[in-house]
Amino acid sequence: MEISNYETAASKTSFSAGKLQRRHFLKFTGAMVLTTGVLSCKKDKSLSSKPQINDGSTIDFKDDTGIFNYIYVLEQLEAAFYVKVSAAYPSAFTATQTSFFNDISLHEITHREFLKNFLVEAGIGNLDFDFSSIDFTNATAVLTAAKTFEDLGVAAYNGVLARAQQSFTLTILSQIVSVEARHAAWVRGQVITNDFADLNALSALGAVDANGLDVALTPDKVLPQLSKYIKTQLKVINL
C-alpha cells in the first residue's frame, strides 16, 4: 500500500513550529503524544527476550509485541479511513468538521508510523482495507463510521492494556489512547448533539455511565466487529 501525497505532506508538516503554535485542541494533543511517546521508548527496551520477525499477518499475544501489533492494525485502519475521507470531504461537512477531520487524520498517520517504526521486523505488514460499505459522499455515513472506529478503538486500548508485561507498553499506549479518546468524544458530539462525554451513548458497547466506566473490550470482541473492513487475513494466536 503506497503512501499518498497527502500522507507524505502530513509527515513533513504536521509538527512544524507553525502547527504547534495553533491553539488547537486535537492537533496539539497529537503532537504531544508523538513527542512523549518517542521519549518513553528508549533504545534499551525490548518487546521480547529475542528479536522477532513477523510473517506479515500474525498477531501473537504471548508478549507485548502482540499488543502493539493489535493496536497497529487499528491505527492502520483508522489512518486509511481518514486519508480516504480527506481526499474528498462530503459536501455537507462544515468548515469546522473539515478542519477537525484533517487534524485527526494527521494524528492517525502519526500513530501508524510511530508503531511501524517501533515494531520494525516484528510488525505486521501494510494491510489492505475495504471501505465499500461506507458512502464517503454522505456526511452522516462518514461521521457514523468515524464514531464506530473511534469508539471501538478506545475500547480496544482499554481492554488490552491489562495484558501488558512491560511498563513502557502502558506508558506509550496510554499516551496514544488519551488522544484517541478525544477523537471519539468529538466525533460522538457530531453524531449526537451535546454528547461529548456522555457514556450513555456507549451503553451498547458496555459502558456504565452511573459508575463512570468507559468501554473495555478484549481483542476477540473488537476484531470481529472490524473484520468486514480488513481485507488482509490476520492470524491471531495465544489470545
Protein backbone atom coordinates (compact mmCIF):
# COMPACT_ATOMS: atom_id res chain seq x y z
CA MET A 1 0.00 0.00 0.00
CA GLU A 2 1.71 3.20 -1.14
CA ILE A 3 1.71 6.34 0.98
CA SER A 4 -0.34 9.06 -0.69
CA ASN A 5 0.87 12.59 -1.40
CA TYR A 6 -1.40 13.75 1.43
CA GLU A 7 0.32 11.39 3.87
CA THR A 8 3.79 12.40 2.70
CA ALA A 9 2.96 16.05 3.21
CA ALA A 10 1.44 15.27 6.58
CA SER A 11 4.58 13.56 7.83
CA LYS A 12 6.63 16.63 6.89
CA THR A 13 4.32 19.38 8.17
CA SER A 14 2.12 18.09 10.97
CA PHE A 15 4.60 19.01 13.71
CA SER A 16 6.17 22.16 12.31
CA ALA A 17 6.59 25.17 14.57
CA GLY A 18 3.67 26.91 12.90
CA LYS A 19 1.38 23.99 13.52
CA LEU A 20 2.30 23.71 17.18
CA GLN A 21 1.62 27.40 17.75
CA ARG A 22 -2.03 26.92 16.83
CA ARG A 23 -4.24 26.69 19.91
CA HIS A 24 -5.95 23.67 18.57
CA PHE A 25 -7.27 21.00 20.92
CA LEU A 26 -6.79 17.98 18.69
CA LYS A 27 -3.62 18.95 16.83
CA PHE A 28 -1.71 19.94 19.97
CA THR A 29 -2.51 16.77 21.88
CA GLY A 30 -1.50 14.66 18.90
CA ALA A 31 1.88 16.35 18.74
CA MET A 32 2.44 15.83 22.46
CA VAL A 33 1.75 12.12 22.14
CA LEU A 34 4.31 11.71 19.37
CA THR A 35 6.96 13.57 21.37
CA THR A 36 6.42 11.91 24.73
CA GLY A 37 5.85 8.51 23.16
CA VAL A 38 9.18 8.60 21.37
CA LEU A 39 10.97 9.76 24.52
CA SER A 40 9.36 6.96 26.50
CA CYS A 41 10.65 4.30 24.09
CA LYS A 42 14.34 4.07 24.93
CA LYS A 43 16.77 2.04 22.88
CA ASP A 44 17.50 -0.35 25.73
CA LYS A 45 13.91 -1.50 25.96
CA SER A 46 12.82 -4.58 24.04
CA LEU A 47 9.46 -6.16 23.37
CA SER A 48 10.70 -9.70 23.63
CA SER A 49 13.57 -11.73 25.03
CA LYS A 50 14.79 -12.27 21.49
CA PRO A 51 14.25 -10.48 18.16
CA GLN A 52 11.14 -11.44 16.25
CA ILE A 53 10.42 -11.44 12.54
CA ASN A 54 6.76 -11.28 11.65
CA ASP A 55 5.37 -13.13 8.64
CA GLY A 56 3.36 -10.03 7.86
CA SER A 57 -0.03 -11.01 9.26
CA THR A 58 0.43 -12.64 12.69
CA ILE A 59 -0.68 -11.10 15.98
CA ASP A 60 0.90 -13.20 18.72
CA PHE A 61 -0.27 -12.23 22.19
CA LYS A 62 2.41 -14.23 24.01
CA ASP A 63 4.11 -10.94 24.88
CA ASP A 64 3.73 -7.19 24.34
CA THR A 65 4.64 -7.49 20.67
CA GLY A 66 1.14 -8.87 20.13
CA ILE A 67 -0.42 -5.91 21.91
CA PHE A 68 1.48 -3.43 19.77
CA ASN A 69 0.65 -5.31 16.56
CA TYR A 70 -3.02 -5.43 17.53
CA ILE A 71 -3.05 -1.68 18.11
CA TYR A 72 -1.07 -1.23 14.88
CA VAL A 73 -3.92 -2.93 13.00
CA LEU A 74 -6.40 -0.45 14.46
CA GLU A 75 -4.20 2.54 13.72
CA GLN A 76 -3.63 1.40 10.13
CA LEU A 77 -7.38 1.07 9.67
CA GLU A 78 -8.15 4.49 11.15
CA ALA A 79 -5.40 6.18 9.16
CA ALA A 80 -6.63 4.61 5.91
CA PHE A 81 -10.20 5.69 6.67
CA TYR A 82 -9.34 9.31 7.45
CA VAL A 83 -7.00 9.61 4.49
CA LYS A 84 -9.85 8.46 2.24
CA VAL A 85 -12.21 10.97 3.83
CA SER A 86 -9.64 13.74 3.46
CA ALA A 87 -9.27 13.01 -0.26
CA ALA A 88 -12.81 14.30 -0.87
CA TYR A 89 -14.81 15.56 2.09
CA PRO A 90 -18.61 15.22 1.94
CA SER A 91 -20.15 18.41 0.58
CA ALA A 92 -22.32 18.72 3.69
CA PHE A 93 -19.31 18.87 6.02
CA THR A 94 -18.95 22.18 7.84
CA ALA A 95 -15.67 24.07 7.81
CA THR A 96 -15.10 23.00 11.42
CA GLN A 97 -15.70 19.34 10.61
CA THR A 98 -13.30 19.51 7.68
CA SER A 99 -10.62 21.14 9.84
CA PHE A 100 -11.02 18.65 12.69
CA PHE A 101 -11.07 15.63 10.39
CA ASN A 102 -7.86 16.88 8.81
CA ASP A 103 -6.28 17.12 12.26
CA ILE A 104 -7.48 13.65 13.25
CA SER A 105 -6.12 12.25 10.00
CA LEU A 106 -2.68 13.67 10.81
CA HIS A 107 -2.82 12.08 14.25
CA GLU A 108 -3.74 8.66 12.91
CA ILE A 109 -0.95 8.77 10.32
CA THR A 110 1.47 9.69 13.10
CA HIS A 111 0.27 6.86 15.35
CA ARG A 112 0.56 4.38 12.49
CA GLU A 113 4.05 5.45 11.51
CA PHE A 114 5.26 5.50 15.12
CA LEU A 115 4.08 1.91 15.65
CA LYS A 116 5.56 0.80 12.33
CA ASN A 117 8.97 2.17 13.28
CA PHE A 118 8.68 0.89 16.83
CA LEU A 119 7.91 -2.69 15.79
CA VAL A 120 10.20 -2.87 12.72
CA GLU A 121 10.72 -6.56 11.74
CA ALA A 122 8.32 -7.73 14.48
CA GLY A 123 5.47 -5.74 12.99
CA ILE A 124 2.72 -6.93 10.69
CA GLY A 125 2.82 -5.64 7.13
CA ASN A 126 0.80 -2.93 5.43
CA LEU A 127 -2.81 -4.06 5.48
CA ASP A 128 -5.48 -3.75 2.79
CA PHE A 129 -8.91 -2.40 3.70
CA ASP A 130 -12.40 -2.48 2.25
CA PHE A 131 -14.50 0.62 2.91
CA SER A 132 -17.01 -0.10 0.15
CA SER A 133 -19.86 -0.27 2.68
CA ILE A 134 -19.33 3.40 3.58
CA ASP A 135 -20.78 6.20 1.43
CA PHE A 136 -17.97 8.74 1.56
CA THR A 137 -20.14 11.37 -0.12
CA ASN A 138 -22.63 11.30 2.74
CA ALA A 139 -21.68 13.29 5.84
CA THR A 140 -23.86 11.22 8.18
CA ALA A 141 -22.38 7.96 6.89
CA VAL A 142 -18.83 9.25 7.32
CA LEU A 143 -19.47 10.56 10.84
CA THR A 144 -21.18 7.32 11.84
CA ALA A 145 -18.26 5.24 10.53
CA ALA A 146 -15.78 7.51 12.31
CA LYS A 147 -17.74 7.09 15.55
CA THR A 148 -17.65 3.30 15.13
CA PHE A 149 -13.89 3.22 14.54
CA GLU A 150 -13.08 5.67 17.34
CA ASP A 151 -15.33 4.06 19.95
CA LEU A 152 -14.08 0.56 19.16
CA GLY A 153 -10.51 1.82 19.08
CA VAL A 154 -10.71 3.31 22.57
CA ALA A 155 -12.48 0.18 23.84
CA ALA A 156 -9.68 -1.90 22.34
CA TYR A 157 -6.95 0.08 24.14
CA ASN A 158 -8.90 -0.11 27.41
CA GLY A 159 -9.40 -3.85 27.04
CA VAL A 160 -5.87 -4.87 26.14
CA LEU A 161 -3.63 -2.77 28.37
CA ALA A 162 -4.22 -5.06 31.36
CA ARG A 163 -2.25 -7.71 29.43
CA ALA A 164 0.87 -5.53 29.21
CA GLN A 165 4.02 -7.10 30.63
CA GLN A 166 6.29 -4.07 30.20
CA SER A 167 5.85 -0.69 31.88
CA PHE A 168 6.78 1.18 28.71
CA THR A 169 3.88 -0.52 26.91
CA LEU A 170 1.49 1.11 29.37
CA THR A 171 3.28 4.45 29.02
CA ILE A 172 3.28 4.60 25.22
CA LEU A 173 -0.20 3.25 24.58
CA SER A 174 -1.79 5.25 27.40
CA GLN A 175 -0.43 8.40 25.80
CA ILE A 176 -1.82 7.48 22.40
CA VAL A 177 -5.24 6.41 23.69
CA SER A 178 -5.64 9.72 25.50
CA VAL A 179 -5.69 11.34 22.06
CA GLU A 180 -7.92 8.62 20.61
CA ALA A 181 -10.41 9.27 23.41
CA ARG A 182 -10.53 12.95 22.42
CA HIS A 183 -11.19 11.92 18.83
CA ALA A 184 -14.01 9.64 19.97
CA ALA A 185 -15.61 12.28 22.19
CA TRP A 186 -15.52 14.94 19.48
CA VAL A 187 -16.84 12.66 16.71
CA ARG A 188 -19.59 11.39 19.02
CA GLY A 189 -20.63 15.01 19.58
CA GLN A 190 -21.01 15.46 15.81
CA VAL A 191 -23.33 12.44 15.59
CA ILE A 192 -25.34 13.13 18.76
CA THR A 193 -25.71 16.77 19.83
CA ASN A 194 -24.22 17.65 23.22
CA ASP A 195 -22.86 14.13 23.64
CA PHE A 196 -19.17 14.99 24.05
CA ALA A 197 -18.67 12.99 27.25
CA ASP A 198 -21.95 11.15 27.81
CA LEU A 199 -21.20 7.48 28.44
CA ASN A 200 -24.85 6.59 27.97
CA ALA A 201 -24.17 6.74 24.24
CA LEU A 202 -21.74 3.84 24.72
CA SER A 203 -24.02 1.63 26.80
CA ALA A 204 -24.49 -0.79 23.88
CA LEU A 205 -20.75 -1.49 23.99
CA GLY A 206 -20.73 -1.97 27.74
CA ALA A 207 -20.16 1.46 29.27
CA VAL A 208 -21.81 2.14 32.62
CA ASP A 209 -22.45 5.87 32.95
CA ALA A 210 -23.69 5.64 36.55
CA ASN A 211 -20.34 4.22 37.61
CA GLY A 212 -18.22 6.33 35.27
CA LEU A 213 -17.00 3.21 33.47
CA ASP A 214 -15.81 3.52 29.88
CA VAL A 215 -15.91 0.63 27.41
CA ALA A 216 -13.21 -2.05 27.62
CA LEU A 217 -13.34 -4.82 25.02
CA THR A 218 -10.95 -7.72 24.53
CA PRO A 219 -9.45 -8.38 21.07
CA ASP A 220 -11.85 -11.27 20.41
CA LYS A 221 -14.72 -8.77 20.76
CA VAL A 222 -13.16 -5.99 18.72
CA LEU A 223 -11.65 -7.70 15.68
CA PRO A 224 -14.89 -9.44 14.55
CA GLN A 225 -16.65 -6.06 14.50
CA LEU A 226 -13.96 -4.65 12.23
CA SER A 227 -13.38 -7.74 10.08
CA LYS A 228 -15.55 -6.56 7.19
CA TYR A 229 -13.24 -3.58 6.72
CA ILE A 230 -9.98 -5.56 6.83
CA LYS A 231 -9.22 -7.44 3.61
CA THR A 232 -5.90 -8.88 4.78
CA GLN A 233 -6.30 -12.22 6.54
CA LEU A 234 -4.91 -11.89 10.06
CA LYS A 235 -3.61 -14.77 12.17
CA VAL A 236 -4.30 -14.28 15.89
CA ILE A 237 -2.58 -16.68 18.30
CA ASN A 238 -2.04 -17.05 22.05
CA LEU A 239 -5.03 -14.86 22.81
